[in-house]
C-alpha atoms as a PDB file:
ATOM      1  CA  MET A   1       0.000   0.000   0.000  1.00  0.00           C
ATOM      2  CA  PHE A   2       1.238   3.488  -0.842  1.00  0.00           C
ATOM      3  CA  ALA A   3      -0.732   6.735  -0.454  1.00  0.00           C
ATOM      4  CA  GLY A   4      -3.909   4.733   0.006  1.00  0.00           C
ATOM      5  CA  ARG A   5      -3.417   2.692  -3.157  1.00  0.00           C
ATOM      6  CA  HIS A   6      -2.627  -0.966  -3.547  1.00  0.00           C
ATOM      7  CA  ILE A   7       0.447  -1.372  -5.720  1.00  0.00           C
ATOM      8  CA  GLN A   8       1.458  -4.783  -6.993  1.00  0.00           C
ATOM      9  CA  GLU A   9       4.343  -5.113  -9.416  1.00  0.00           C
ATOM     10  CA  SER A  10       6.446  -8.057 -10.480  1.00  0.00           C
ATOM     11  CA  THR A  11      10.114  -8.142  -9.527  1.00  0.00           C
ATOM     12  CA  LYS A  12      10.749 -10.821 -12.169  1.00  0.00           C
ATOM     13  CA  THR A  13      12.559 -13.010  -9.619  1.00  0.00           C
ATOM     14  CA  LYS A  14      11.802 -16.034  -7.478  1.00  0.00           C
ATOM     15  CA  LYS A  15      14.404 -15.123  -4.848  1.00  0.00           C
ATOM     16  CA  LYS A  16      12.727 -13.731  -1.756  1.00  0.00           C
ATOM     17  CA  THR A  17      15.694 -11.574  -0.617  1.00  0.00           C
ATOM     18  CA  LEU A  18      16.070 -10.017  -4.059  1.00  0.00           C
ATOM     19  CA  ALA A  19      12.311  -9.392  -4.269  1.00  0.00           C
ATOM     20  CA  LYS A  20      12.385  -7.733  -0.832  1.00  0.00           C
ATOM     21  CA  MET A  21      15.269  -5.452  -1.912  1.00  0.00           C
ATOM     22  CA  ALA A  22      13.388  -4.549  -5.100  1.00  0.00           C
ATOM     23  CA  GLU A  23      10.265  -3.767  -3.059  1.00  0.00           C
ATOM     24  CA  GLU A  24      12.232  -1.474  -0.727  1.00  0.00           C
ATOM     25  CA  LYS A  25      13.856   0.290  -3.671  1.00  0.00           C
ATOM     26  CA  ARG A  26      10.487   0.813  -5.387  1.00  0.00           C
ATOM     27  CA  ARG A  27       8.919   2.133  -2.166  1.00  0.00           C
ATOM     28  CA  ARG A  28      11.802   4.617  -1.781  1.00  0.00           C
ATOM     29  CA  GLU A  29      11.279   5.766  -5.403  1.00  0.00           C
ATOM     30  CA  LEU A  30       7.559   6.268  -4.760  1.00  0.00           C
ATOM     31  CA  GLU A  31       8.195   8.164  -1.522  1.00  0.00           C
ATOM     32  CA  GLU A  32      10.798  10.435  -3.126  1.00  0.00           C
ATOM     33  CA  GLY A  33       8.509  11.167  -6.061  1.00  0.00           C
ATOM     34  CA  PHE A  34       5.527  11.782  -3.790  1.00  0.00           C
ATOM     35  CA  ASN A  35       7.492  14.177  -1.593  1.00  0.00           C
ATOM     36  CA  ALA A  36       9.318  15.817  -4.510  1.00  0.00           C
ATOM     37  CA  VAL A  37      12.675  14.734  -3.097  1.00  0.00           C
ATOM     38  CA  GLN A  38      15.176  14.376  -5.876  1.00  0.00           C
ATOM     39  CA  ASP A  39      18.920  14.134  -6.039  1.00  0.00           C
ATOM     40  CA  ARG A  40      19.745  17.388  -7.801  1.00  0.00           C
ATOM     41  CA  ARG A  41      23.479  17.554  -7.097  1.00  0.00           C
ATOM     42  CA  LYS A  42      24.191  17.986 -10.802  1.00  0.00           C
ATOM     43  CA  ASP A  43      21.996  21.106 -10.841  1.00  0.00           C
ATOM     44  CA  ARG A  44      23.667  22.571  -7.750  1.00  0.00           C
ATOM     45  CA  ILE A  45      27.203  22.306  -9.125  1.00  0.00           C
ATOM     46  CA  GLN A  46      26.336  24.293 -12.238  1.00  0.00           C
ATOM     47  CA  THR A  47      27.692  27.791 -12.448  1.00  0.00           C
ATOM     48  CA  VAL A  48      25.440  30.818 -12.376  1.00  0.00           C
ATOM     49  CA  LYS A  49      26.441  31.480 -15.992  1.00  0.00           C
ATOM     50  CA  GLN A  50      25.332  27.999 -17.139  1.00  0.00           C
ATOM     51  CA  THR A  51      22.040  28.282 -15.289  1.00  0.00           C
ATOM     52  CA  ALA A  52      21.399  31.796 -16.604  1.00  0.00           C
ATOM     53  CA  GLU A  53      22.061  30.678 -20.187  1.00  0.00           C
ATOM     54  CA  ASP A  54      19.675  27.729 -19.773  1.00  0.00           C
ATOM     55  CA  TYR A  55      17.054  30.089 -18.353  1.00  0.00           C
ATOM     56  CA  LEU A  56      17.463  32.513 -21.265  1.00  0.00           C
ATOM     57  CA  ASN A  57      17.066  29.700 -23.802  1.00  0.00           C
ATOM     58  CA  LYS A  58      13.870  28.517 -22.109  1.00  0.00           C
ATOM     59  CA  TYR A  59      12.619  32.095 -21.815  1.00  0.00           C
ATOM     60  CA  GLN A  60      13.058  32.637 -25.558  1.00  0.00           C
ATOM     61  CA  ILE A  61      11.082  29.458 -26.287  1.00  0.00           C
ATOM     62  CA  LYS A  62       8.258  30.368 -23.893  1.00  0.00           C
ATOM     63  CA  HIS A  63       8.033  34.002 -25.034  1.00  0.00           C
ATOM     64  CA  PRO A  64       8.788  33.986 -28.770  1.00  0.00           C
ATOM     65  CA  ALA A  65       6.762  37.143 -29.439  1.00  0.00           C
ATOM     66  CA  SER A  66       8.632  39.259 -26.913  1.00  0.00           C
ATOM     67  CA  THR A  67      12.171  40.422 -27.367  1.00  0.00           C
ATOM     68  CA  PRO A  68      14.535  38.918 -24.821  1.00  0.00           C
ATOM     69  CA  GLY A  69      16.583  42.126 -24.684  1.00  0.00           C
ATOM     70  CA  TYR A  70      15.831  42.909 -21.055  1.00  0.00           C
ATOM     71  CA  MET A  71      16.547  39.329 -19.990  1.00  0.00           C
ATOM     72  CA  LYS A  72      19.871  39.421 -21.849  1.00  0.00           C
ATOM     73  CA  TYR A  73      20.679  42.706 -20.094  1.00  0.00           C
ATOM     74  CA  VAL A  74      19.904  41.298 -16.660  1.00  0.00           C
ATOM     75  CA  ILE A  75      21.786  38.051 -17.293  1.00  0.00           C
ATOM     76  CA  LYS A  76      24.805  39.946 -18.618  1.00  0.00           C
ATOM     77  CA  HIS A  77      25.168  41.859 -15.354  1.00  0.00           C
ATOM     78  CA  LEU A  78      24.422  38.836 -13.198  1.00  0.00           C
ATOM     79  CA  THR A  79      27.033  36.687 -14.929  1.00  0.00           C
ATOM     80  CA  LYS A  80      29.540  39.539 -14.802  1.00  0.00           C
ATOM     81  CA  HIS A  81      29.410  39.464 -11.009  1.00  0.00           C
ATOM     82  CA  LEU A  82      28.502  35.856 -10.181  1.00  0.00           C
ATOM     83  CA  GLY A  83      28.988  33.899 -13.420  1.00  0.00           C
ATOM     84  CA  ASN A  84      31.821  31.599 -12.356  1.00  0.00           C
ATOM     85  CA  ARG A  85      30.330  30.789  -8.945  1.00  0.00           C
ATOM     86  CA  MET A  86      28.542  27.478  -8.464  1.00  0.00           C
ATOM     87  CA  LEU A  87      24.906  27.717  -7.428  1.00  0.00           C
ATOM     88  CA  ILE A  88      25.626  25.765  -4.268  1.00  0.00           C
ATOM     89  CA  ASP A  89      28.109  28.468  -3.203  1.00  0.00           C
ATOM     90  CA  ILE A  90      25.719  31.402  -3.578  1.00  0.00           C
ATOM     91  CA  THR A  91      24.709  32.685  -0.160  1.00  0.00           C
ATOM     92  CA  GLU A  92      22.862  35.705   1.139  1.00  0.00           C
ATOM     93  CA  LYS A  93      26.223  37.460   1.428  1.00  0.00           C
ATOM     94  CA  GLU A  94      26.953  37.026  -2.308  1.00  0.00           C
ATOM     95  CA  ILE A  95      23.489  38.315  -3.201  1.00  0.00           C
ATOM     96  CA  GLU A  96      23.992  41.402  -1.026  1.00  0.00           C
ATOM     97  CA  GLU A  97      27.418  42.028  -2.586  1.00  0.00           C
ATOM     98  CA  TYR A  98      25.870  41.742  -6.050  1.00  0.00           C
ATOM     99  CA  GLN A  99      23.125  44.189  -5.116  1.00  0.00           C
ATOM    100  CA  LEU A 100      25.667  46.672  -3.727  1.00  0.00           C
ATOM    101  CA  ALA A 101      27.751  46.386  -6.890  1.00  0.00           C
ATOM    102  CA  ARG A 102      24.638  47.088  -8.979  1.00  0.00           C
ATOM    103  CA  LEU A 103      23.825  50.053  -6.744  1.00  0.00           C
ATOM    104  CA  LYS A 104      27.269  51.501  -7.416  1.00  0.00           C
ATOM    105  CA  GLU A 105      26.719  50.995 -11.150  1.00  0.00           C
ATOM    106  CA  GLY A 106      23.286  52.633 -10.937  1.00  0.00           C
ATOM    107  CA  GLY A 107      21.490  49.495 -12.147  1.00  0.00           C
ATOM    108  CA  PRO A 108      17.950  48.234 -11.428  1.00  0.00           C
ATOM    109  CA  ALA A 109      19.035  46.750  -8.088  1.00  0.00           C
ATOM    110  CA  SER A 110      19.212  50.327  -6.793  1.00  0.00           C
ATOM    111  CA  ALA A 111      15.424  50.661  -7.030  1.00  0.00           C
ATOM    112  CA  LEU A 112      14.949  47.366  -5.189  1.00  0.00           C
ATOM    113  CA  MET A 113      17.318  48.324  -2.395  1.00  0.00           C
ATOM    114  CA  ARG A 114      15.550  51.623  -1.702  1.00  0.00           C
ATOM    115  CA  LYS A 115      12.166  50.002  -1.055  1.00  0.00           C
END
């Protein structure tokens, strides 16, 4: 039983210990999927630049009618300051330093910081 549903799947084996291990593995997969727990280490070790480029590509696909000029502008400044950093290393301190750098440049972060 999982989430109120009866689940019965074949393990394609007659060995009880192997079937039990397969059952435990399948239950763990169901629990992780149900709770949206995924191993995303590969995503966390990407650099900000890689992630920003992926985002821009997806943005252009989702919004073909709009010009991605503003997004390119924002990503350019973001990658200038944080581009080589891995996502896992970005902390509140790095975000604040980025915002202060944008304030000094007179960028859009200045409006956000004043509010």
